[in-house]
Amino acid sequence: MDMAEEHLKLENQICFSIYAAAREMTKMYKPLLQKLDVTYPQYLVLLVLWEEDSMTVNELGRRLYLDSGTLTPMLKRMETSGLLERKRSPEDERRVIVTLTEQGRNAEKDASDIPFQVIDHLAMDEAELKQFKASLVKTLEHLHDRNEKS
């Protein structure tokens, strides 16, 4: 194989490493989230709302890098399961406010050990983990900015 073809090998693709790692990470979370009875994307919604309850769908989407077409059906399912409520803003009917229910707030206690279990699974020391996360955040922000301009 010549040098020109070397760059097309799957093992040399950063996109594949990110994609495969994300799939494996999501798979790792599945048993950890069973006690909450939520999917990984729903868990991400809960994480944002545990930090700052009561926000618009648009703000939630911005924080999670999700468009409303992806987010809205998920929020409907979470509302049906009793974790959150969606209500139109009295000031602006176009805005939908998402708020945790008591059940959604109580789920935070059940989730409190999940981040520690994840860290144990990653087999990285604190410095490696910090550097890895910083690199991922920088990459995400760069890609997002670039895609927003396209």
N, C-alpha and C. Protein backbone atom coordinates (compact mmCIF):
# COMPACT_ATOMS: atom_id res chain seq x y z
N MET A 1 0.85 -1.18 0.00
CA MET A 1 0.00 0.00 0.00
C MET A 1 0.89 1.24 0.00
N ASP A 2 0.60 2.16 -0.89
CA ASP A 2 1.43 3.36 -0.94
C ASP A 2 0.96 4.39 0.08
N MET A 3 1.77 5.42 0.23
CA MET A 3 1.53 6.45 1.24
C MET A 3 0.20 7.16 1.03
N ALA A 4 -0.19 7.33 -0.22
CA ALA A 4 -1.45 8.02 -0.52
C ALA A 4 -2.64 7.25 0.02
N GLU A 5 -2.56 5.91 0.00
CA GLU A 5 -3.67 5.09 0.49
C GLU A 5 -3.62 4.90 2.01
N GLU A 6 -2.49 5.11 2.62
CA GLU A 6 -2.31 4.92 4.06
C GLU A 6 -3.28 5.80 4.85
N HIS A 7 -3.49 7.02 4.41
CA HIS A 7 -4.37 7.93 5.14
C HIS A 7 -5.84 7.53 5.07
N LEU A 8 -6.17 6.59 4.16
CA LEU A 8 -7.55 6.14 4.05
C LEU A 8 -7.85 4.88 4.87
N LYS A 9 -6.87 4.37 5.58
CA LYS A 9 -7.11 3.20 6.42
C LYS A 9 -8.01 3.60 7.59
N LEU A 10 -8.94 2.75 7.92
CA LEU A 10 -9.87 3.00 9.01
C LEU A 10 -9.13 3.31 10.31
N GLU A 11 -8.09 2.56 10.59
CA GLU A 11 -7.34 2.75 11.85
C GLU A 11 -6.66 4.12 11.94
N ASN A 12 -6.54 4.82 10.83
CA ASN A 12 -5.92 6.15 10.82
C ASN A 12 -6.94 7.29 10.86
N GLN A 13 -8.20 6.97 10.99
CA GLN A 13 -9.26 7.98 10.97
C GLN A 13 -9.60 8.42 12.40
N ILE A 14 -9.37 9.68 12.72
CA ILE A 14 -9.72 10.21 14.03
C ILE A 14 -11.23 10.17 14.23
N CYS A 15 -11.98 10.40 13.15
CA CYS A 15 -13.44 10.38 13.25
C CYS A 15 -13.94 9.01 13.70
N PHE A 16 -13.29 7.95 13.22
CA PHE A 16 -13.72 6.61 13.63
C PHE A 16 -13.41 6.36 15.10
N SER A 17 -12.26 6.80 15.56
CA SER A 17 -11.90 6.61 16.96
C SER A 17 -12.89 7.34 17.87
N ILE A 18 -13.29 8.55 17.49
CA ILE A 18 -14.25 9.31 18.29
C ILE A 18 -15.61 8.62 18.25
N TYR A 19 -16.04 8.21 17.07
CA TYR A 19 -17.33 7.55 16.88
C TYR A 19 -17.40 6.25 17.70
N ALA A 20 -16.38 5.42 17.56
CA ALA A 20 -16.38 4.13 18.25
C ALA A 20 -16.29 4.32 19.76
N ALA A 21 -15.48 5.27 20.22
CA ALA A 21 -15.37 5.54 21.65
C ALA A 21 -16.70 6.04 22.21
N ALA A 22 -17.40 6.89 21.46
CA ALA A 22 -18.71 7.39 21.90
C ALA A 22 -19.71 6.25 22.01
N ARG A 23 -19.70 5.34 21.06
CA ARG A 23 -20.61 4.18 21.11
C ARG A 23 -20.28 3.29 22.31
N GLU A 24 -19.01 3.06 22.56
CA GLU A 24 -18.61 2.22 23.70
C GLU A 24 -18.95 2.91 25.02
N MET A 25 -18.80 4.21 25.07
CA MET A 25 -19.14 4.97 26.28
C MET A 25 -20.64 4.85 26.56
N THR A 26 -21.44 5.03 25.52
CA THR A 26 -22.89 4.92 25.67
C THR A 26 -23.27 3.51 26.13
N LYS A 27 -22.62 2.50 25.57
CA LYS A 27 -22.88 1.11 25.95
C LYS A 27 -22.52 0.88 27.42
N MET A 28 -21.43 1.49 27.86
CA MET A 28 -21.00 1.35 29.25
C MET A 28 -22.03 1.96 30.21
N TYR A 29 -22.66 3.06 29.79
CA TYR A 29 -23.63 3.74 30.64
C TYR A 29 -24.93 2.95 30.80
N LYS A 30 -25.27 2.13 29.82
CA LYS A 30 -26.58 1.46 29.81
C LYS A 30 -26.92 0.77 31.12
N PRO A 31 -26.08 -0.10 31.65
CA PRO A 31 -26.44 -0.75 32.93
C PRO A 31 -26.44 0.23 34.11
N LEU A 32 -25.63 1.28 34.03
CA LEU A 32 -25.59 2.26 35.11
C LEU A 32 -26.87 3.08 35.19
N LEU A 33 -27.54 3.22 34.04
CA LEU A 33 -28.74 4.05 33.98
C LEU A 33 -30.04 3.26 34.18
N GLN A 34 -29.91 1.94 34.32
CA GLN A 34 -31.12 1.12 34.49
C GLN A 34 -31.92 1.51 35.72
N LYS A 35 -31.22 1.85 36.81
CA LYS A 35 -31.95 2.21 38.03
C LYS A 35 -32.75 3.50 37.86
N LEU A 36 -32.33 4.35 36.92
CA LEU A 36 -33.06 5.59 36.64
C LEU A 36 -34.14 5.38 35.57
N ASP A 37 -34.03 4.27 34.84
CA ASP A 37 -34.94 3.96 33.74
C ASP A 37 -34.92 5.07 32.68
N VAL A 38 -33.70 5.50 32.31
CA VAL A 38 -33.53 6.52 31.27
C VAL A 38 -32.46 6.05 30.28
N THR A 39 -32.53 6.61 29.09
CA THR A 39 -31.49 6.37 28.09
C THR A 39 -30.33 7.34 28.36
N TYR A 40 -29.23 7.12 27.67
CA TYR A 40 -28.09 8.02 27.84
C TYR A 40 -28.44 9.47 27.46
N PRO A 41 -29.08 9.72 26.31
CA PRO A 41 -29.44 11.11 26.00
C PRO A 41 -30.39 11.72 27.04
N GLN A 42 -31.30 10.93 27.57
CA GLN A 42 -32.20 11.43 28.62
C GLN A 42 -31.41 11.77 29.89
N TYR A 43 -30.41 10.97 30.19
CA TYR A 43 -29.54 11.24 31.34
C TYR A 43 -28.84 12.59 31.16
N LEU A 44 -28.41 12.88 29.95
CA LEU A 44 -27.76 14.17 29.68
C LEU A 44 -28.72 15.32 29.94
N VAL A 45 -29.97 15.16 29.54
CA VAL A 45 -30.99 16.18 29.82
C VAL A 45 -31.12 16.37 31.32
N LEU A 46 -31.19 15.27 32.07
CA LEU A 46 -31.31 15.36 33.53
C LEU A 46 -30.10 16.07 34.13
N LEU A 47 -28.90 15.76 33.64
CA LEU A 47 -27.70 16.41 34.17
C LEU A 47 -27.79 17.93 34.04
N VAL A 48 -28.25 18.40 32.88
CA VAL A 48 -28.36 19.84 32.66
C VAL A 48 -29.42 20.43 33.61
N LEU A 49 -30.56 19.76 33.72
CA LEU A 49 -31.64 20.29 34.57
C LEU A 49 -31.33 20.18 36.05
N TRP A 50 -30.53 19.21 36.47
CA TRP A 50 -30.11 19.14 37.88
C TRP A 50 -29.20 20.33 38.20
N GLU A 51 -28.45 20.77 37.22
CA GLU A 51 -27.58 21.94 37.39
C GLU A 51 -28.38 23.23 37.44
N GLU A 52 -29.34 23.33 36.52
CA GLU A 52 -30.14 24.55 36.40
C GLU A 52 -31.54 24.17 35.93
N ASP A 53 -32.43 24.01 36.88
CA ASP A 53 -33.81 23.60 36.57
C ASP A 53 -34.54 24.75 35.90
N SER A 54 -35.48 24.40 35.08
CA SER A 54 -36.37 25.36 34.44
C SER A 54 -35.63 26.21 33.40
N MET A 55 -35.59 25.69 32.17
CA MET A 55 -34.97 26.42 31.06
C MET A 55 -35.75 26.13 29.79
N THR A 56 -35.53 26.97 28.79
CA THR A 56 -36.23 26.77 27.53
C THR A 56 -35.67 25.57 26.78
N VAL A 57 -36.49 25.03 25.89
CA VAL A 57 -36.05 23.93 25.04
C VAL A 57 -34.84 24.39 24.22
N ASN A 58 -34.86 25.62 23.73
CA ASN A 58 -33.73 26.13 22.94
C ASN A 58 -32.44 26.16 23.75
N GLU A 59 -32.51 26.61 24.99
CA GLU A 59 -31.31 26.66 25.84
C GLU A 59 -30.81 25.25 26.14
N LEU A 60 -31.73 24.36 26.42
CA LEU A 60 -31.37 22.96 26.68
C LEU A 60 -30.68 22.37 25.44
N GLY A 61 -31.24 22.63 24.28
CA GLY A 61 -30.64 22.16 23.03
C GLY A 61 -29.26 22.74 22.80
N ARG A 62 -29.09 24.02 23.12
CA ARG A 62 -27.78 24.66 22.97
C ARG A 62 -26.75 24.00 23.88
N ARG A 63 -27.15 23.75 25.12
CA ARG A 63 -26.22 23.13 26.08
C ARG A 63 -25.83 21.71 25.68
N LEU A 64 -26.76 20.99 25.03
CA LEU A 64 -26.52 19.59 24.67
C LEU A 64 -26.10 19.40 23.21
N TYR A 65 -25.98 20.51 22.48
CA TYR A 65 -25.64 20.44 21.05
C TYR A 65 -26.67 19.60 20.29
N LEU A 66 -27.96 19.79 20.61
CA LEU A 66 -29.04 19.06 19.94
C LEU A 66 -30.04 20.06 19.37
N ASP A 67 -30.59 19.73 18.20
CA ASP A 67 -31.63 20.58 17.64
C ASP A 67 -32.98 20.19 18.23
N SER A 68 -33.96 21.07 18.08
CA SER A 68 -35.27 20.83 18.71
C SER A 68 -35.97 19.63 18.09
N GLY A 69 -35.67 19.30 16.83
CA GLY A 69 -36.26 18.11 16.21
C GLY A 69 -35.83 16.81 16.88
N THR A 70 -34.64 16.81 17.42
CA THR A 70 -34.14 15.64 18.16
C THR A 70 -34.59 15.70 19.62
N LEU A 71 -34.55 16.89 20.18
CA LEU A 71 -34.82 17.07 21.60
C LEU A 71 -36.30 16.93 21.96
N THR A 72 -37.18 17.50 21.17
CA THR A 72 -38.60 17.53 21.51
C THR A 72 -39.21 16.15 21.71
N PRO A 73 -39.00 15.17 20.81
CA PRO A 73 -39.58 13.84 21.06
C PRO A 73 -39.04 13.20 22.34
N MET A 74 -37.75 13.43 22.62
CA MET A 74 -37.15 12.88 23.84
C MET A 74 -37.79 13.52 25.07
N LEU A 75 -37.99 14.83 25.05
CA LEU A 75 -38.61 15.53 26.18
C LEU A 75 -40.05 15.06 26.38
N LYS A 76 -40.76 14.78 25.28
CA LYS A 76 -42.13 14.26 25.39
C LYS A 76 -42.13 12.92 26.12
N ARG A 77 -41.18 12.04 25.76
CA ARG A 77 -41.10 10.73 26.43
C ARG A 77 -40.76 10.90 27.91
N MET A 78 -39.86 11.84 28.21
CA MET A 78 -39.49 12.07 29.60
C MET A 78 -40.65 12.67 30.39
N GLU A 79 -41.46 13.47 29.73
CA GLU A 79 -42.65 14.04 30.38
C GLU A 79 -43.66 12.93 30.67
N THR A 80 -43.85 12.04 29.70
CA THR A 80 -44.77 10.91 29.87
C THR A 80 -44.32 10.00 31.01
N SER A 81 -43.02 9.84 31.17
CA SER A 81 -42.52 8.99 32.26
C SER A 81 -42.47 9.72 33.60
N GLY A 82 -42.85 11.00 33.63
CA GLY A 82 -42.98 11.72 34.89
C GLY A 82 -41.73 12.43 35.40
N LEU A 83 -40.69 12.55 34.56
CA LEU A 83 -39.44 13.17 35.00
C LEU A 83 -39.43 14.69 34.88
N LEU A 84 -40.21 15.22 33.94
CA LEU A 84 -40.19 16.67 33.71
C LEU A 84 -41.54 17.13 33.17
N GLU A 85 -41.68 18.44 33.17
CA GLU A 85 -42.87 19.08 32.60
C GLU A 85 -42.42 20.08 31.54
N ARG A 86 -43.25 20.23 30.52
CA ARG A 86 -43.02 21.24 29.48
C ARG A 86 -44.22 22.17 29.48
N LYS A 87 -43.95 23.46 29.58
CA LYS A 87 -45.04 24.44 29.56
C LYS A 87 -44.65 25.62 28.70
N ARG A 88 -45.62 26.18 28.04
CA ARG A 88 -45.39 27.39 27.24
C ARG A 88 -45.12 28.56 28.18
N SER A 89 -44.20 29.41 27.78
CA SER A 89 -43.88 30.61 28.56
C SER A 89 -45.06 31.57 28.50
N PRO A 90 -45.49 32.10 29.65
CA PRO A 90 -46.59 33.08 29.63
C PRO A 90 -46.19 34.38 28.91
N GLU A 91 -44.90 34.71 28.92
CA GLU A 91 -44.42 35.93 28.26
C GLU A 91 -44.33 35.78 26.74
N ASP A 92 -44.02 34.55 26.30
CA ASP A 92 -43.83 34.31 24.87
C ASP A 92 -44.28 32.88 24.56
N GLU A 93 -45.43 32.74 23.96
CA GLU A 93 -46.03 31.43 23.68
C GLU A 93 -45.14 30.53 22.82
N ARG A 94 -44.19 31.13 22.08
CA ARG A 94 -43.30 30.33 21.23
C ARG A 94 -42.25 29.59 22.04
N ARG A 95 -42.00 30.05 23.24
CA ARG A 95 -40.96 29.43 24.09
C ARG A 95 -41.58 28.37 24.99
N VAL A 96 -40.91 27.22 25.05
CA VAL A 96 -41.37 26.13 25.92
C VAL A 96 -40.35 25.98 27.04
N ILE A 97 -40.85 26.02 28.28
CA ILE A 97 -39.99 25.91 29.46
C ILE A 97 -40.03 24.47 29.96
N VAL A 98 -38.85 23.92 30.22
CA VAL A 98 -38.73 22.55 30.72
C VAL A 98 -38.33 22.62 32.19
N THR A 99 -39.10 21.91 33.03
CA THR A 99 -38.87 21.92 34.47
C THR A 99 -38.93 20.50 35.01
N LEU A 100 -38.05 20.18 35.92
CA LEU A 100 -38.07 18.86 36.55
C LEU A 100 -39.30 18.72 37.45
N THR A 101 -39.83 17.50 37.50
CA THR A 101 -40.86 17.17 38.48
C THR A 101 -40.16 16.72 39.75
N GLU A 102 -40.92 16.44 40.78
CA GLU A 102 -40.32 15.91 42.01
C GLU A 102 -39.60 14.60 41.72
N GLN A 103 -40.21 13.76 40.89
CA GLN A 103 -39.57 12.49 40.50
C GLN A 103 -38.24 12.74 39.80
N GLY A 104 -38.20 13.73 38.91
CA GLY A 104 -36.97 14.07 38.20
C GLY A 104 -35.91 14.60 39.15
N ARG A 105 -36.31 15.42 40.11
CA ARG A 105 -35.34 15.94 41.09
C ARG A 105 -34.83 14.81 41.99
N ASN A 106 -35.71 13.89 42.38
CA ASN A 106 -35.31 12.78 43.25
C ASN A 106 -34.36 11.81 42.56
N ALA A 107 -34.43 11.73 41.25
CA ALA A 107 -33.54 10.83 40.50
C ALA A 107 -32.07 11.21 40.65
N GLU A 108 -31.82 12.46 41.00
CA GLU A 108 -30.43 12.92 41.17
C GLU A 108 -29.72 12.11 42.25
N LYS A 109 -30.42 11.80 43.32
CA LYS A 109 -29.81 10.99 44.39
C LYS A 109 -29.38 9.62 43.87
N ASP A 110 -30.25 9.01 43.05
CA ASP A 110 -29.95 7.69 42.51
C ASP A 110 -28.79 7.72 41.52
N ALA A 111 -28.53 8.87 40.94
CA ALA A 111 -27.48 9.01 39.94
C ALA A 111 -26.14 9.44 40.52
N SER A 112 -26.11 9.78 41.79
CA SER A 112 -24.92 10.43 42.35
C SER A 112 -23.63 9.61 42.25
N ASP A 113 -23.74 8.29 42.19
CA ASP A 113 -22.53 7.46 42.11
C ASP A 113 -22.10 7.16 40.67
N ILE A 114 -22.93 7.49 39.68
CA ILE A 114 -22.63 7.14 38.29
C ILE A 114 -21.30 7.74 37.80
N PRO A 115 -21.03 9.04 38.01
CA PRO A 115 -19.74 9.56 37.52
C PRO A 115 -18.52 8.83 38.09
N PHE A 116 -18.60 8.39 39.35
CA PHE A 116 -17.47 7.68 39.95
C PHE A 116 -17.30 6.30 39.32
N GLN A 117 -18.41 5.65 39.00
CA GLN A 117 -18.33 4.35 38.33
C GLN A 117 -17.73 4.48 36.93
N VAL A 118 -18.08 5.56 36.25
CA VAL A 118 -17.54 5.80 34.91
C VAL A 118 -16.03 6.02 34.99
N ILE A 119 -15.59 6.83 35.92
CA ILE A 119 -14.16 7.09 36.08
C ILE A 119 -13.41 5.79 36.34
N ASP A 120 -13.99 4.92 37.17
CA ASP A 120 -13.36 3.62 37.44
C ASP A 120 -13.21 2.80 36.16
N HIS A 121 -14.22 2.86 35.29
CA HIS A 121 -14.18 2.10 34.03
C HIS A 121 -13.14 2.63 33.06
N LEU A 122 -12.82 3.91 33.14
CA LEU A 122 -11.92 4.51 32.15
C LEU A 122 -10.45 4.19 32.40
N ALA A 123 -10.10 3.79 33.58
CA ALA A 123 -8.72 3.41 33.90
C ALA A 123 -7.72 4.50 33.53
N MET A 124 -8.03 5.74 33.91
CA MET A 124 -7.11 6.87 33.72
C MET A 124 -6.91 7.52 35.07
N ASP A 125 -5.72 8.05 35.28
CA ASP A 125 -5.54 8.80 36.52
C ASP A 125 -6.14 10.19 36.33
N GLU A 126 -6.20 10.96 37.41
CA GLU A 126 -6.87 12.25 37.39
C GLU A 126 -6.28 13.21 36.37
N ALA A 127 -4.96 13.24 36.26
CA ALA A 127 -4.30 14.15 35.31
C ALA A 127 -4.62 13.75 33.87
N GLU A 128 -4.56 12.46 33.57
CA GLU A 128 -4.88 11.99 32.22
C GLU A 128 -6.33 12.32 31.87
N LEU A 129 -7.22 12.09 32.82
CA LEU A 129 -8.63 12.35 32.60
C LEU A 129 -8.88 13.83 32.33
N LYS A 130 -8.24 14.68 33.11
CA LYS A 130 -8.40 16.13 32.95
C LYS A 130 -7.89 16.58 31.57
N GLN A 131 -6.74 16.09 31.17
CA GLN A 131 -6.16 16.46 29.88
C GLN A 131 -7.02 15.93 28.73
N PHE A 132 -7.48 14.69 28.85
CA PHE A 132 -8.33 14.08 27.83
C PHE A 132 -9.61 14.88 27.65
N LYS A 133 -10.26 15.22 28.75
CA LYS A 133 -11.50 15.99 28.71
C LYS A 133 -11.26 17.37 28.08
N ALA A 134 -10.17 18.02 28.45
CA ALA A 134 -9.85 19.34 27.89
C ALA A 134 -9.67 19.24 26.37
N SER A 135 -9.00 18.21 25.91
CA SER A 135 -8.81 18.01 24.47
C SER A 135 -10.15 17.79 23.77
N LEU A 136 -11.02 16.98 24.38
CA LEU A 136 -12.33 16.73 23.79
C LEU A 136 -13.17 18.00 23.73
N VAL A 137 -13.16 18.78 24.80
CA VAL A 137 -13.94 20.02 24.83
C VAL A 137 -13.43 20.99 23.76
N LYS A 138 -12.14 21.12 23.65
CA LYS A 138 -11.55 22.00 22.64
C LYS A 138 -11.95 21.54 21.23
N THR A 139 -11.90 20.24 20.99
CA THR A 139 -12.28 19.69 19.70
C THR A 139 -13.76 19.94 19.42
N LEU A 140 -14.61 19.67 20.40
CA LEU A 140 -16.04 19.88 20.25
C LEU A 140 -16.35 21.34 19.92
N GLU A 141 -15.77 22.25 20.68
CA GLU A 141 -16.03 23.68 20.45
C GLU A 141 -15.56 24.11 19.06
N HIS A 142 -14.39 23.64 18.66
CA HIS A 142 -13.86 23.99 17.34
C HIS A 142 -14.78 23.46 16.24
N LEU A 143 -15.17 22.19 16.35
CA LEU A 143 -16.03 21.59 15.34
C LEU A 143 -17.41 22.28 15.29
N HIS A 144 -17.95 22.57 16.46
CA HIS A 144 -19.25 23.23 16.52
C HIS A 144 -19.20 24.61 15.88
N ASP A 145 -18.17 25.39 16.22
CA ASP A 145 -18.02 26.72 15.62
C ASP A 145 -17.89 26.63 14.10
N ARG A 146 -17.10 25.69 13.68
CA ARG A 146 -16.89 25.51 12.22
C ARG A 146 -18.18 25.09 11.53
N ASN A 147 -18.92 24.17 12.15
CA ASN A 147 -20.17 23.70 11.54
C ASN A 147 -21.24 24.78 11.55
N GLU A 148 -21.22 25.64 12.55
CA GLU A 148 -22.19 26.75 12.61
C GLU A 148 -21.97 27.74 11.48
N LYS A 149 -20.71 27.89 11.06
CA LYS A 149 -20.37 28.83 9.98
C LYS A 149 -20.70 28.27 8.60
N SER A 150 -20.84 26.94 8.53
CA SER A 150 -21.11 26.30 7.22
C SER A 150 -22.55 26.43 6.81
